[in-house]
Amino acid sequence: MPSLGIQELLVIFVILLVIFGGSKLPLLGRGMGEGIRNFKRGLRSDDASELEEKQP
């Protein structure tokens, strides 16, 4: 899987800027960050519950 370079990231950023506008980008980034944090918390809580179930 090829990695993204600086040029590709700039093109993606410009496309997002055109689609969503400058005022919506911070809200979009904040929402994505919160989603990732919640996903990680969910994974950690699932691991903790599995460990509790395995212990006698």
C-alpha atoms as a PDB file:
ATOM      1  CA  MET A   1       0.000   0.000   0.000  1.00  0.00           C
ATOM      2  CA  PRO A   2       1.615   3.265  -1.061  1.00  0.00           C
ATOM      3  CA  SER A   3       2.016   6.013   1.487  1.00  0.00           C
ATOM      4  CA  LEU A   4       0.695   9.530   0.985  1.00  0.00           C
ATOM      5  CA  GLY A   5       3.227  12.231   0.243  1.00  0.00           C
ATOM      6  CA  ILE A   6       3.048  15.959   0.803  1.00  0.00           C
ATOM      7  CA  GLN A   7       1.594  16.648  -2.646  1.00  0.00           C
ATOM      8  CA  GLU A   8      -1.216  14.131  -2.203  1.00  0.00           C
ATOM      9  CA  LEU A   9      -2.083  15.519   1.230  1.00  0.00           C
ATOM     10  CA  LEU A  10      -2.202  19.055  -0.165  1.00  0.00           C
ATOM     11  CA  VAL A  11      -4.558  17.976  -2.953  1.00  0.00           C
ATOM     12  CA  ILE A  12      -6.832  16.239  -0.425  1.00  0.00           C
ATOM     13  CA  PHE A  13      -6.795  19.345   1.796  1.00  0.00           C
ATOM     14  CA  VAL A  14      -7.700  21.640  -1.113  1.00  0.00           C
ATOM     15  CA  ILE A  15     -10.566  19.351  -2.137  1.00  0.00           C
ATOM     16  CA  LEU A  16     -11.880  19.311   1.443  1.00  0.00           C
ATOM     17  CA  LEU A  17     -11.556  23.082   1.616  1.00  0.00           C
ATOM     18  CA  VAL A  18     -13.589  23.501  -1.573  1.00  0.00           C
ATOM     19  CA  ILE A  19     -16.280  21.012  -0.505  1.00  0.00           C
ATOM     20  CA  PHE A  20     -16.767  22.023   3.140  1.00  0.00           C
ATOM     21  CA  GLY A  21     -15.445  25.579   3.254  1.00  0.00           C
ATOM     22  CA  GLY A  22     -12.969  27.100   5.670  1.00  0.00           C
ATOM     23  CA  SER A  23     -15.365  27.491   8.572  1.00  0.00           C
ATOM     24  CA  LYS A  24     -16.459  23.837   8.622  1.00  0.00           C
ATOM     25  CA  LEU A  25     -12.980  22.250   8.547  1.00  0.00           C
ATOM     26  CA  PRO A  26     -12.185  22.769  12.271  1.00  0.00           C
ATOM     27  CA  LEU A  27     -15.556  21.281  13.208  1.00  0.00           C
ATOM     28  CA  LEU A  28     -14.949  18.341  10.899  1.00  0.00           C
ATOM     29  CA  GLY A  29     -11.491  17.709  12.384  1.00  0.00           C
ATOM     30  CA  ARG A  30     -12.804  17.980  15.941  1.00  0.00           C
ATOM     31  CA  GLY A  31     -15.585  15.504  15.172  1.00  0.00           C
ATOM     32  CA  MET A  32     -13.159  13.033  13.644  1.00  0.00           C
ATOM     33  CA  GLY A  33     -10.840  13.332  16.651  1.00  0.00           C
ATOM     34  CA  GLU A  34     -13.681  12.690  19.085  1.00  0.00           C
ATOM     35  CA  GLY A  35     -14.785   9.699  17.043  1.00  0.00           C
ATOM     36  CA  ILE A  36     -11.307   8.187  17.096  1.00  0.00           C
ATOM     37  CA  ARG A  37     -11.005   8.775  20.859  1.00  0.00           C
ATOM     38  CA  ASN A  38     -14.359   7.111  21.501  1.00  0.00           C
ATOM     39  CA  PHE A  39     -13.379   4.177  19.311  1.00  0.00           C
ATOM     40  CA  LYS A  40     -10.134   3.675  21.271  1.00  0.00           C
ATOM     41  CA  ARG A  41     -12.024   3.904  24.578  1.00  0.00           C
ATOM     42  CA  GLY A  42     -14.441   1.265  23.343  1.00  0.00           C
ATOM     43  CA  LEU A  43     -11.599  -1.053  22.416  1.00  0.00           C
ATOM     44  CA  ARG A  44      -9.978  -0.607  25.819  1.00  0.00           C
ATOM     45  CA  SER A  45     -13.220  -1.244  27.680  1.00  0.00           C
ATOM     46  CA  ASP A  46     -13.820  -4.411  25.637  1.00  0.00           C
ATOM     47  CA  ASP A  47     -10.333  -5.654  26.513  1.00  0.00           C
ATOM     48  CA  ALA A  48     -10.912  -4.918  30.199  1.00  0.00           C
ATOM     49  CA  SER A  49     -14.247  -6.778  30.208  1.00  0.00           C
ATOM     50  CA  GLU A  50     -12.626  -9.792  28.512  1.00  0.00           C
ATOM     51  CA  LEU A  51      -9.922  -9.898  31.185  1.00  0.00           C
ATOM     52  CA  GLU A  52     -12.535  -9.756  33.949  1.00  0.00           C
ATOM     53  CA  GLU A  53     -14.462 -12.632  32.376  1.00  0.00           C
ATOM     54  CA  LYS A  54     -11.370 -14.845  32.089  1.00  0.00           C
ATOM     55  CA  GLN A  55     -10.362 -14.428  35.734  1.00  0.00           C
ATOM     56  CA  PRO A  56     -11.930 -17.021  38.112  1.00  0.00           C
END
